[in-house]
Amino acid sequence: MKIISSKDNAQFKDLKQLAGSSQARRRAGLTLLDGVHLAQAWLQHRGAPQMCIVAESALHHPEVAPILEQCERSRVLCLGLPDNLYNAVSQVENGVGLLLVVSTPNPKAPQALAESAVLLDGLQDPGNLGSVLRSAAAAGIGQVFCSAGTAAAWSPKVLRAGMGAHFVLDIFENAELEPLCADSRIPVLATSSHAAQTIYDCDLSGAVAWLFGHEGQGVSPHLQEAASHEVVIPHLGEMESLNVAAAAAVCFFEQVRQRTAGR
């Protein structure tokens, strides 16, 4: 392990820039994973990181030490930082003191939708996006397409909300959703409070693509028209609509229910 004790160290300066700038991370094609859970999930699903950074106070932490040992066995560059320097690059208050630097996955987009997927049109809240990713991964959905107006999928807040879901999904950012809908080989279902058909009346036993929109405005009209069907989640209470992350979870797990009903 290499110990860095000076804030003037060139590697530390590079790391601090990565931590503080989403543009720097995009240019470098790198993502920062803060905390034990994200680190464990990455190692389990994606393999070795580019770099492992550990706070001095966490070197012998019972959950950190095995991760550090695994990284060192894989010949990953491991940096030890005094707590004050580590806290300058970590975006988690009172975190455990472990940070991985990884290459941001860049999967090849399919030519057409052929397996269950999620299309996100302008979803802006990082917590909502992370929750949708987590529910999609738990429901066995493999692909998520984010329009240009959607929150950055690999931002620290979305990563924390996703709880490791990113690493079992193929996530496509800045996706053109209208051509995907037009060329889809599977039904594209857009949620709408004005639809006549409920999700419980739909045949969800096969692959479908779920289309969700902006928290306030919903799915844009041109995409609503491009969808195969409009569906609604019926509810009995006085609320006009559900939070988009809650609505997505209801849809995904109605699909799970139908697909597993015959087993």
Protein backbone atom coordinates (compact mmCIF):
# COMPACT_ATOMS: atom_id res chain seq x y z
CA MET A 1 0.00 0.00 0.00
CA LYS A 2 1.18 3.49 -0.83
CA ILE A 3 0.70 6.07 1.93
CA ILE A 4 -0.03 9.67 0.92
CA SER A 5 0.29 12.26 3.66
CA SER A 6 0.45 15.54 1.74
CA LYS A 7 -2.41 17.41 0.08
CA ASP A 8 0.13 18.57 -2.51
CA ASN A 9 0.71 15.03 -3.74
CA ALA A 10 -0.15 14.77 -7.47
CA GLN A 11 -2.17 11.56 -7.08
CA PHE A 12 -4.18 13.09 -4.25
CA LYS A 13 -4.90 16.18 -6.35
CA ASP A 14 -6.15 14.00 -9.21
CA LEU A 15 -8.32 12.03 -6.82
CA LYS A 16 -9.76 15.19 -5.28
CA GLN A 17 -10.64 16.53 -8.72
CA LEU A 18 -12.39 13.28 -9.61
CA ALA A 19 -14.34 13.36 -6.35
CA GLY A 20 -15.46 16.94 -6.82
CA SER A 21 -16.28 17.07 -10.52
CA SER A 22 -18.77 15.01 -12.49
CA GLN A 23 -17.20 16.38 -15.69
CA ALA A 24 -13.77 15.14 -14.60
CA ARG A 25 -15.23 11.69 -13.93
CA ARG A 26 -16.94 11.60 -17.33
CA ARG A 27 -13.76 12.70 -19.13
CA ALA A 28 -11.73 10.03 -17.35
CA GLY A 29 -14.42 7.37 -17.69
CA LEU A 30 -14.21 6.71 -13.96
CA THR A 31 -16.67 6.34 -11.09
CA LEU A 32 -16.12 6.54 -7.32
CA LEU A 33 -17.76 3.98 -5.06
CA ASP A 34 -17.91 5.08 -1.44
CA GLY A 35 -18.47 2.53 1.31
CA VAL A 36 -18.27 -1.16 2.06
CA HIS A 37 -21.55 -2.24 0.46
CA LEU A 38 -20.84 -0.73 -2.96
CA ALA A 39 -17.27 -2.02 -2.84
CA GLN A 40 -18.39 -5.56 -2.04
CA ALA A 41 -21.04 -5.46 -4.75
CA TRP A 42 -18.54 -4.26 -7.35
CA LEU A 43 -16.00 -6.93 -6.44
CA GLN A 44 -18.69 -9.61 -6.59
CA HIS A 45 -20.19 -8.63 -9.93
CA ARG A 46 -17.52 -6.71 -11.83
CA GLY A 47 -14.11 -7.75 -10.47
CA ALA A 48 -11.09 -5.66 -9.53
CA PRO A 49 -11.32 -1.84 -9.35
CA GLN A 50 -8.80 0.62 -10.77
CA MET A 51 -7.82 1.88 -7.33
CA CYS A 52 -8.63 1.36 -3.65
CA ILE A 53 -8.40 4.25 -1.17
CA VAL A 54 -8.57 3.66 2.56
CA ALA A 55 -8.66 6.12 5.46
CA GLU A 56 -6.00 5.57 8.11
CA SER A 57 -8.65 4.94 10.77
CA ALA A 58 -10.26 2.20 8.63
CA LEU A 59 -7.16 0.14 7.88
CA HIS A 60 -8.08 -2.51 10.43
CA HIS A 61 -11.85 -2.19 10.23
CA PRO A 62 -13.32 -5.74 10.15
CA GLU A 63 -15.26 -5.09 6.93
CA VAL A 64 -12.61 -2.97 5.20
CA ALA A 65 -9.58 -5.17 5.85
CA PRO A 66 -10.80 -8.15 3.72
CA ILE A 67 -11.62 -5.82 0.80
CA LEU A 68 -8.21 -4.20 1.04
CA GLU A 69 -6.57 -7.62 1.15
CA GLN A 70 -8.53 -8.76 -1.93
CA CYS A 71 -7.50 -5.64 -3.84
CA GLU A 72 -3.85 -6.07 -2.90
CA ARG A 73 -3.96 -9.72 -4.03
CA SER A 74 -5.30 -8.51 -7.37
CA ARG A 75 -2.41 -6.00 -7.59
CA VAL A 76 -4.78 -3.04 -7.47
CA LEU A 77 -3.15 0.27 -6.58
CA CYS A 78 -4.06 0.86 -2.92
CA LEU A 79 -3.64 4.27 -1.30
CA GLY A 80 -3.75 5.02 2.40
CA LEU A 81 -4.77 8.53 3.45
CA PRO A 82 -4.85 10.31 6.79
CA ASP A 83 -8.44 10.88 7.82
CA ASN A 84 -8.38 14.60 7.02
CA LEU A 85 -7.28 13.92 3.43
CA TYR A 86 -9.71 11.04 3.02
CA ASN A 87 -12.60 13.23 4.20
CA ALA A 88 -11.67 15.75 1.50
CA VAL A 89 -12.45 13.19 -1.23
CA SER A 90 -15.32 11.27 0.37
CA GLN A 91 -18.87 12.54 -0.16
CA VAL A 92 -20.33 10.40 2.62
CA GLU A 93 -20.55 11.88 6.10
CA ASN A 94 -19.42 9.51 8.85
CA GLY A 95 -18.56 6.86 6.28
CA VAL A 96 -16.47 3.80 7.05
CA GLY A 97 -13.39 5.07 5.20
CA LEU A 98 -13.24 3.00 2.00
CA LEU A 99 -13.42 4.25 -1.58
CA LEU A 100 -12.97 2.40 -4.87
CA VAL A 101 -12.19 4.03 -8.21
CA VAL A 102 -13.64 1.97 -11.06
CA SER A 103 -14.02 2.24 -14.81
CA THR A 104 -17.55 3.38 -15.59
CA PRO A 105 -19.25 0.53 -17.48
CA ASN A 106 -20.10 1.39 -21.08
CA PRO A 107 -22.17 -1.49 -22.50
CA LYS A 108 -23.01 -1.74 -26.17
CA ALA A 109 -26.60 -0.74 -26.80
CA PRO A 110 -28.87 -3.29 -28.51
CA GLN A 111 -30.30 -2.48 -31.93
CA ALA A 112 -33.85 -3.05 -30.68
CA LEU A 113 -35.63 -3.79 -27.42
CA ALA A 114 -36.02 -7.54 -27.10
CA GLU A 115 -35.87 -8.19 -23.35
CA SER A 116 -37.53 -6.56 -20.36
CA ALA A 117 -36.26 -3.02 -19.95
CA VAL A 118 -36.95 0.35 -18.37
CA LEU A 119 -37.08 3.61 -20.34
CA LEU A 120 -36.70 6.80 -18.29
CA ASP A 121 -37.82 10.08 -19.82
CA GLY A 122 -36.38 13.02 -17.90
CA LEU A 123 -36.37 11.49 -14.41
CA GLN A 124 -34.49 14.13 -12.44
CA ASP A 125 -34.31 13.18 -8.77
CA PRO A 126 -31.20 11.06 -7.99
CA GLY A 127 -32.98 9.22 -5.18
CA ASN A 128 -35.85 8.27 -7.48
CA LEU A 129 -33.46 7.09 -10.18
CA GLY A 130 -31.46 4.98 -7.74
CA SER A 131 -34.65 3.45 -6.34
CA VAL A 132 -35.92 2.61 -9.84
CA LEU A 133 -32.60 0.93 -10.66
CA ARG A 134 -32.71 -1.05 -7.41
CA SER A 135 -36.27 -2.25 -8.04
CA ALA A 136 -35.48 -3.11 -11.66
CA ALA A 137 -32.48 -5.20 -10.65
CA ALA A 138 -34.51 -6.96 -7.93
CA ALA A 139 -37.24 -7.76 -10.46
CA GLY A 140 -34.79 -9.34 -12.89
CA ILE A 141 -34.91 -6.54 -15.47
CA GLY A 142 -31.56 -6.21 -17.21
CA GLN A 143 -31.58 -2.99 -19.24
CA VAL A 144 -32.25 0.66 -18.35
CA PHE A 145 -32.29 3.45 -20.96
CA CYS A 146 -32.01 7.03 -19.68
CA SER A 147 -32.89 10.01 -21.86
CA ALA A 148 -30.61 13.02 -22.04
CA GLY A 149 -32.69 14.88 -19.43
CA THR A 150 -32.42 12.12 -16.83
CA ALA A 151 -30.18 12.46 -13.77
CA ALA A 152 -26.62 11.13 -14.15
CA ALA A 153 -26.89 7.43 -13.39
CA TRP A 154 -23.34 7.08 -12.02
CA SER A 155 -23.45 10.09 -9.70
CA PRO A 156 -22.67 9.44 -6.00
CA LYS A 157 -26.28 10.04 -4.87
CA VAL A 158 -27.74 7.66 -7.46
CA LEU A 159 -25.12 5.03 -6.63
CA ARG A 160 -25.97 5.19 -2.93
CA ALA A 161 -29.70 4.92 -3.63
CA GLY A 162 -29.11 2.04 -6.06
CA MET A 163 -27.31 -0.04 -3.41
CA GLY A 164 -25.29 -2.02 -5.98
CA ALA A 165 -28.05 -2.38 -8.61
CA HIS A 166 -25.86 -0.60 -11.16
CA PHE A 167 -23.48 -3.54 -11.29
CA VAL A 168 -26.08 -6.08 -12.44
CA LEU A 169 -27.76 -3.79 -14.99
CA ASP A 170 -26.82 -2.53 -18.43
CA ILE A 171 -27.39 1.23 -18.14
CA PHE A 172 -27.49 3.36 -21.28
CA GLU A 173 -27.35 7.12 -20.79
CA ASN A 174 -28.33 9.84 -23.29
CA ALA A 175 -30.50 7.27 -25.05
CA GLU A 176 -32.87 8.25 -27.86
CA LEU A 177 -36.11 6.78 -26.54
CA GLU A 178 -38.44 7.47 -29.47
CA PRO A 179 -36.55 5.21 -31.95
CA LEU A 180 -36.34 2.53 -29.25
CA CYS A 181 -40.11 2.62 -28.87
CA ALA A 182 -40.68 2.63 -32.63
CA ASP A 183 -38.38 -0.33 -33.32
CA SER A 184 -39.18 -2.33 -30.19
CA ARG A 185 -39.79 -6.05 -30.59
CA ILE A 186 -41.71 -6.13 -27.30
CA PRO A 187 -44.65 -4.07 -25.96
CA VAL A 188 -43.75 -0.65 -24.57
CA LEU A 189 -46.01 0.26 -21.65
CA ALA A 190 -46.29 3.93 -20.66
CA THR A 191 -47.79 4.76 -17.28
CA SER A 192 -50.58 7.34 -17.33
CA SER A 193 -53.21 8.34 -14.78
CA HIS A 194 -55.69 8.73 -17.68
CA ALA A 195 -55.29 5.22 -19.11
CA ALA A 196 -58.26 2.85 -19.15
CA GLN A 197 -56.28 -0.38 -18.81
CA THR A 198 -54.75 -1.24 -15.44
CA ILE A 199 -51.45 -3.04 -15.04
CA TYR A 200 -53.41 -5.93 -13.51
CA ASP A 201 -55.36 -6.37 -16.77
CA CYS A 202 -52.19 -6.50 -18.90
CA ASP A 203 -50.45 -9.68 -19.92
CA LEU A 204 -47.02 -9.21 -18.34
CA SER A 205 -45.96 -12.84 -18.55
CA GLY A 206 -43.47 -12.03 -21.32
CA ALA A 207 -40.90 -9.32 -21.84
CA VAL A 208 -42.10 -5.70 -21.77
CA ALA A 209 -40.46 -2.28 -21.72
CA TRP A 210 -41.69 0.08 -19.00
CA LEU A 211 -41.74 3.81 -19.82
CA PHE A 212 -41.68 6.32 -16.94
CA GLY A 213 -41.42 10.09 -17.11
CA HIS A 214 -40.47 13.25 -15.27
CA GLU A 215 -41.62 13.49 -11.64
CA GLY A 216 -43.95 16.41 -12.33
CA GLN A 217 -44.77 16.27 -16.04
CA GLY A 218 -44.82 12.54 -16.62
CA VAL A 219 -43.95 10.95 -19.96
CA SER A 220 -43.63 13.49 -22.78
CA PRO A 221 -46.55 13.46 -25.26
CA HIS A 222 -44.50 12.28 -28.26
CA LEU A 223 -43.21 9.29 -26.30
CA GLN A 224 -46.67 8.57 -24.93
CA GLU A 225 -47.83 8.25 -28.54
CA ALA A 226 -44.86 6.04 -29.44
CA ALA A 227 -45.70 3.54 -26.67
CA SER A 228 -47.65 0.38 -27.50
CA HIS A 229 -50.08 0.81 -24.59
CA GLU A 230 -50.93 3.21 -21.78
CA VAL A 231 -51.54 1.64 -18.39
CA VAL A 232 -52.61 2.91 -14.99
CA ILE A 233 -52.00 1.73 -11.43
CA PRO A 234 -55.41 1.80 -9.73
CA HIS A 235 -55.56 3.21 -6.22
CA LEU A 236 -58.30 3.88 -3.70
CA GLY A 237 -56.95 6.78 -1.67
CA GLU A 238 -57.24 10.53 -2.17
CA MET A 239 -53.75 10.98 -3.66
CA GLU A 240 -53.71 11.90 -7.32
CA SER A 241 -50.67 9.79 -8.18
CA LEU A 242 -47.77 7.73 -6.84
CA ASN A 243 -44.14 8.74 -6.59
CA VAL A 244 -42.43 7.52 -9.77
CA ALA A 245 -40.10 5.16 -7.89
CA ALA A 246 -43.05 3.62 -6.04
CA ALA A 247 -45.02 3.33 -9.27
CA ALA A 248 -42.11 1.60 -10.98
CA ALA A 249 -41.78 -0.90 -8.14
CA VAL A 250 -45.49 -1.76 -8.32
CA CYS A 251 -45.24 -2.32 -12.09
CA PHE A 252 -42.07 -4.39 -11.91
CA PHE A 253 -43.38 -6.69 -9.23
CA GLU A 254 -46.76 -7.19 -10.88
CA GLN A 255 -44.68 -8.44 -13.81
CA VAL A 256 -42.72 -10.69 -11.43
CA ARG A 257 -46.00 -11.99 -9.96
CA GLN A 258 -47.39 -12.87 -13.37
CA ARG A 259 -44.18 -14.46 -14.60
CA THR A 260 -43.87 -16.66 -11.51
CA ALA A 261 -47.57 -17.46 -11.03
CA GLY A 262 -47.38 -20.74 -12.93
CA ARG A 263 -44.34 -22.09 -11.13
